[in-house]
N, C-alpha and C. Protein backbone atom coordinates (compact mmCIF):
# COMPACT_ATOMS: atom_id res chain seq x y z
N MET A 1 -10.12 21.44 -15.45
CA MET A 1 -9.36 20.24 -15.21
C MET A 1 -7.98 20.40 -15.82
N TYR A 2 -7.02 19.82 -15.18
CA TYR A 2 -5.65 19.87 -15.65
C TYR A 2 -5.31 18.58 -16.36
N PRO A 3 -4.55 18.63 -17.47
CA PRO A 3 -4.11 17.40 -18.09
C PRO A 3 -3.11 16.67 -17.20
N CYS A 4 -3.20 15.37 -17.13
CA CYS A 4 -2.32 14.55 -16.29
C CYS A 4 -1.26 13.89 -17.16
N ALA A 5 -0.06 13.81 -16.67
CA ALA A 5 1.02 13.18 -17.41
C ALA A 5 1.39 11.85 -16.77
N GLY A 6 1.23 10.77 -17.51
CA GLY A 6 1.70 9.46 -17.09
C GLY A 6 1.11 8.92 -15.80
N ASN A 7 -0.16 9.10 -15.56
CA ASN A 7 -0.77 8.62 -14.33
C ASN A 7 -1.62 7.39 -14.62
N SER A 8 -1.02 6.36 -15.14
CA SER A 8 -1.66 5.07 -15.48
C SER A 8 -2.96 5.27 -16.25
N GLY A 9 -2.90 6.09 -17.27
CA GLY A 9 -4.03 6.25 -18.16
C GLY A 9 -5.00 7.36 -17.78
N GLN A 10 -4.81 8.00 -16.63
CA GLN A 10 -5.70 9.09 -16.23
C GLN A 10 -5.42 10.30 -17.11
N ARG A 11 -6.48 10.91 -17.64
CA ARG A 11 -6.30 12.03 -18.57
C ARG A 11 -6.36 13.38 -17.90
N TYR A 12 -7.21 13.54 -16.88
CA TYR A 12 -7.37 14.84 -16.25
C TYR A 12 -7.29 14.70 -14.74
N ALA A 13 -6.85 15.78 -14.08
CA ALA A 13 -6.72 15.79 -12.62
C ALA A 13 -7.78 16.71 -12.03
N ARG A 14 -8.19 16.39 -10.81
CA ARG A 14 -9.18 17.20 -10.10
C ARG A 14 -8.62 17.63 -8.76
N ILE A 15 -9.43 18.29 -7.95
CA ILE A 15 -9.00 18.75 -6.63
C ILE A 15 -8.51 17.58 -5.80
N GLY A 16 -7.33 17.74 -5.20
CA GLY A 16 -6.73 16.70 -4.37
C GLY A 16 -5.74 15.82 -5.10
N ASP A 17 -5.67 15.88 -6.41
CA ASP A 17 -4.73 15.06 -7.19
C ASP A 17 -3.35 15.71 -7.20
N THR A 18 -2.32 14.88 -7.24
CA THR A 18 -0.94 15.35 -7.34
C THR A 18 -0.54 15.33 -8.81
N ILE A 19 0.04 16.44 -9.27
CA ILE A 19 0.45 16.58 -10.67
C ILE A 19 1.88 17.11 -10.72
N VAL A 20 2.48 17.04 -11.91
CA VAL A 20 3.81 17.61 -12.15
C VAL A 20 3.61 18.93 -12.88
N VAL A 21 4.22 20.01 -12.37
CA VAL A 21 4.03 21.34 -12.93
C VAL A 21 5.37 21.99 -13.25
N THR A 22 5.32 23.03 -14.07
CA THR A 22 6.47 23.89 -14.37
C THR A 22 6.14 25.29 -13.88
N VAL A 23 7.07 25.92 -13.20
CA VAL A 23 6.86 27.26 -12.67
C VAL A 23 6.94 28.25 -13.83
N LYS A 24 5.84 29.00 -14.07
CA LYS A 24 5.79 29.97 -15.17
C LYS A 24 6.26 31.35 -14.73
N ASP A 25 5.84 31.80 -13.55
CA ASP A 25 6.23 33.10 -13.01
C ASP A 25 6.74 32.90 -11.60
N ALA A 26 7.77 33.66 -11.21
CA ALA A 26 8.32 33.56 -9.87
C ALA A 26 8.79 34.93 -9.41
N LEU A 27 8.69 35.16 -8.12
CA LEU A 27 9.18 36.41 -7.54
C LEU A 27 10.70 36.36 -7.43
N PRO A 28 11.39 37.49 -7.60
CA PRO A 28 12.86 37.51 -7.54
C PRO A 28 13.41 37.02 -6.20
N GLN A 29 12.74 37.35 -5.10
CA GLN A 29 13.23 36.95 -3.78
C GLN A 29 12.66 35.60 -3.34
N GLY A 30 11.89 34.93 -4.20
CA GLY A 30 11.26 33.65 -3.85
C GLY A 30 12.28 32.51 -3.82
N GLY A 31 11.86 31.42 -3.23
CA GLY A 31 12.74 30.26 -3.08
C GLY A 31 12.71 29.31 -4.26
N ILE A 32 11.91 29.60 -5.27
CA ILE A 32 11.83 28.73 -6.45
C ILE A 32 12.01 29.59 -7.69
N LYS A 33 12.69 29.05 -8.68
CA LYS A 33 13.02 29.81 -9.88
C LYS A 33 12.09 29.46 -11.03
N LYS A 34 11.97 30.37 -11.98
CA LYS A 34 11.17 30.15 -13.18
C LYS A 34 11.73 28.97 -13.97
N GLY A 35 10.86 28.12 -14.46
CA GLY A 35 11.28 26.97 -15.24
C GLY A 35 11.52 25.71 -14.42
N THR A 36 11.42 25.80 -13.11
CA THR A 36 11.63 24.65 -12.24
C THR A 36 10.46 23.67 -12.40
N VAL A 37 10.78 22.39 -12.50
CA VAL A 37 9.76 21.34 -12.55
C VAL A 37 9.57 20.82 -11.13
N ALA A 38 8.30 20.78 -10.68
CA ALA A 38 8.01 20.37 -9.31
C ALA A 38 6.70 19.60 -9.27
N LYS A 39 6.46 18.92 -8.15
CA LYS A 39 5.18 18.28 -7.93
C LYS A 39 4.28 19.24 -7.16
N ALA A 40 2.96 19.14 -7.41
CA ALA A 40 2.00 20.02 -6.75
C ALA A 40 0.69 19.28 -6.57
N VAL A 41 -0.10 19.75 -5.60
CA VAL A 41 -1.45 19.21 -5.38
C VAL A 41 -2.45 20.31 -5.71
N ILE A 42 -3.52 19.95 -6.40
CA ILE A 42 -4.54 20.91 -6.82
C ILE A 42 -5.44 21.23 -5.62
N VAL A 43 -5.62 22.52 -5.33
CA VAL A 43 -6.46 22.93 -4.21
C VAL A 43 -7.71 23.71 -4.64
N ARG A 44 -7.70 24.35 -5.80
CA ARG A 44 -8.87 25.07 -6.31
C ARG A 44 -8.92 24.93 -7.82
N THR A 45 -10.15 24.79 -8.36
CA THR A 45 -10.35 24.79 -9.81
C THR A 45 -11.59 25.60 -10.15
N THR A 46 -11.63 26.15 -11.36
CA THR A 46 -12.81 26.87 -11.82
C THR A 46 -13.88 25.91 -12.31
N ASN A 47 -13.52 24.67 -12.54
CA ASN A 47 -14.49 23.66 -12.95
C ASN A 47 -15.33 23.24 -11.74
N LYS A 48 -16.62 22.99 -11.96
CA LYS A 48 -17.51 22.63 -10.86
C LYS A 48 -17.14 21.26 -10.29
N LEU A 49 -17.27 21.15 -8.95
CA LEU A 49 -17.05 19.89 -8.25
C LEU A 49 -18.33 19.56 -7.51
N ARG A 50 -18.88 18.36 -7.77
CA ARG A 50 -20.13 17.97 -7.13
C ARG A 50 -19.84 17.31 -5.79
N ARG A 51 -20.54 17.78 -4.75
CA ARG A 51 -20.41 17.20 -3.42
C ARG A 51 -21.39 16.04 -3.25
N LYS A 52 -21.19 15.25 -2.19
CA LYS A 52 -22.06 14.10 -1.96
C LYS A 52 -23.51 14.50 -1.68
N ASP A 53 -23.72 15.71 -1.12
CA ASP A 53 -25.09 16.15 -0.83
C ASP A 53 -25.80 16.71 -2.06
N GLY A 54 -25.14 16.72 -3.20
CA GLY A 54 -25.76 17.18 -4.45
C GLY A 54 -25.44 18.61 -4.82
N SER A 55 -24.84 19.36 -3.93
CA SER A 55 -24.50 20.75 -4.24
C SER A 55 -23.20 20.79 -5.03
N TYR A 56 -22.97 21.92 -5.68
CA TYR A 56 -21.77 22.12 -6.47
C TYR A 56 -20.93 23.22 -5.85
N ILE A 57 -19.60 23.10 -5.98
CA ILE A 57 -18.70 24.15 -5.51
C ILE A 57 -17.78 24.51 -6.68
N ARG A 58 -17.59 25.82 -6.85
CA ARG A 58 -16.72 26.30 -7.93
C ARG A 58 -15.96 27.50 -7.40
N PHE A 59 -14.68 27.61 -7.75
CA PHE A 59 -13.83 28.71 -7.30
C PHE A 59 -13.61 29.68 -8.45
N ASP A 60 -13.15 30.89 -8.13
CA ASP A 60 -12.92 31.92 -9.14
C ASP A 60 -11.63 31.71 -9.92
N ASP A 61 -10.69 30.94 -9.36
CA ASP A 61 -9.41 30.74 -10.04
C ASP A 61 -8.89 29.33 -9.78
N ASN A 62 -7.86 28.97 -10.51
CA ASN A 62 -7.18 27.69 -10.32
C ASN A 62 -5.98 27.91 -9.42
N ALA A 63 -5.69 26.93 -8.55
CA ALA A 63 -4.54 27.08 -7.65
C ALA A 63 -3.98 25.71 -7.28
N VAL A 64 -2.66 25.67 -7.10
CA VAL A 64 -1.98 24.46 -6.64
C VAL A 64 -1.04 24.84 -5.49
N VAL A 65 -0.67 23.84 -4.70
CA VAL A 65 0.32 24.01 -3.65
C VAL A 65 1.53 23.17 -4.02
N LEU A 66 2.69 23.78 -4.10
CA LEU A 66 3.90 23.06 -4.46
C LEU A 66 4.31 22.13 -3.32
N LEU A 67 4.86 20.96 -3.69
CA LEU A 67 5.29 19.96 -2.72
C LEU A 67 6.80 19.80 -2.77
N ASN A 68 7.40 19.42 -1.62
CA ASN A 68 8.84 19.15 -1.60
C ASN A 68 9.08 17.67 -1.91
N GLN A 69 10.30 17.19 -1.73
CA GLN A 69 10.66 15.81 -2.10
C GLN A 69 9.88 14.76 -1.31
N SER A 70 9.49 15.09 -0.07
CA SER A 70 8.76 14.12 0.76
C SER A 70 7.25 14.36 0.71
N ASP A 71 6.77 15.01 -0.35
CA ASP A 71 5.35 15.26 -0.59
C ASP A 71 4.66 16.04 0.53
N GLU A 72 5.38 16.95 1.15
CA GLU A 72 4.81 17.88 2.12
C GLU A 72 4.75 19.25 1.47
N PRO A 73 3.80 20.10 1.90
CA PRO A 73 3.70 21.44 1.31
C PRO A 73 4.99 22.23 1.45
N ARG A 74 5.40 22.87 0.37
CA ARG A 74 6.60 23.69 0.38
C ARG A 74 6.23 25.06 0.91
N GLY A 75 6.92 25.57 1.90
CA GLY A 75 6.60 26.84 2.50
C GLY A 75 6.03 26.67 3.89
N HIS A 76 5.50 27.75 4.45
CA HIS A 76 5.03 27.69 5.83
C HIS A 76 3.63 28.24 6.02
N GLY A 77 2.96 28.66 4.98
CA GLY A 77 1.65 29.28 5.10
C GLY A 77 0.48 28.31 5.05
N TYR A 78 0.72 27.01 5.15
CA TYR A 78 -0.34 26.02 5.02
C TYR A 78 -0.50 25.28 6.34
N SER A 79 -1.75 24.96 6.68
CA SER A 79 -1.99 24.21 7.92
C SER A 79 -3.07 23.17 7.68
N ASP A 80 -3.09 22.14 8.50
CA ASP A 80 -4.12 21.10 8.44
C ASP A 80 -5.26 21.54 9.32
N ARG A 81 -6.43 21.74 8.72
CA ARG A 81 -7.59 22.16 9.50
C ARG A 81 -8.64 21.10 9.48
C-alpha cells in the first residue's frame, strides 16, 4: 500500500486510487524529468487484493500510470479494454 497525502483522512491507497508522486528515475530521452511532481493512478501492487468471489490477486511489482492535467494517461501505450 502507498501512503496517501491529504485525501480527507485516508492513510493508504490501493489499486485504482489516484495519488501524487515524485519521479525518482527517468530516461534521458523521456518526456518527464527526474524530480517532477505528478499525479498517478495505481495499477499494480505487491499487496494482496481480495476479489468479490473470495480469491486473491497479487502482482510481482508495484506500478503506477502517470496522468496529465486532465487526468488522462500520459503517453500512448495504454488502452481501455
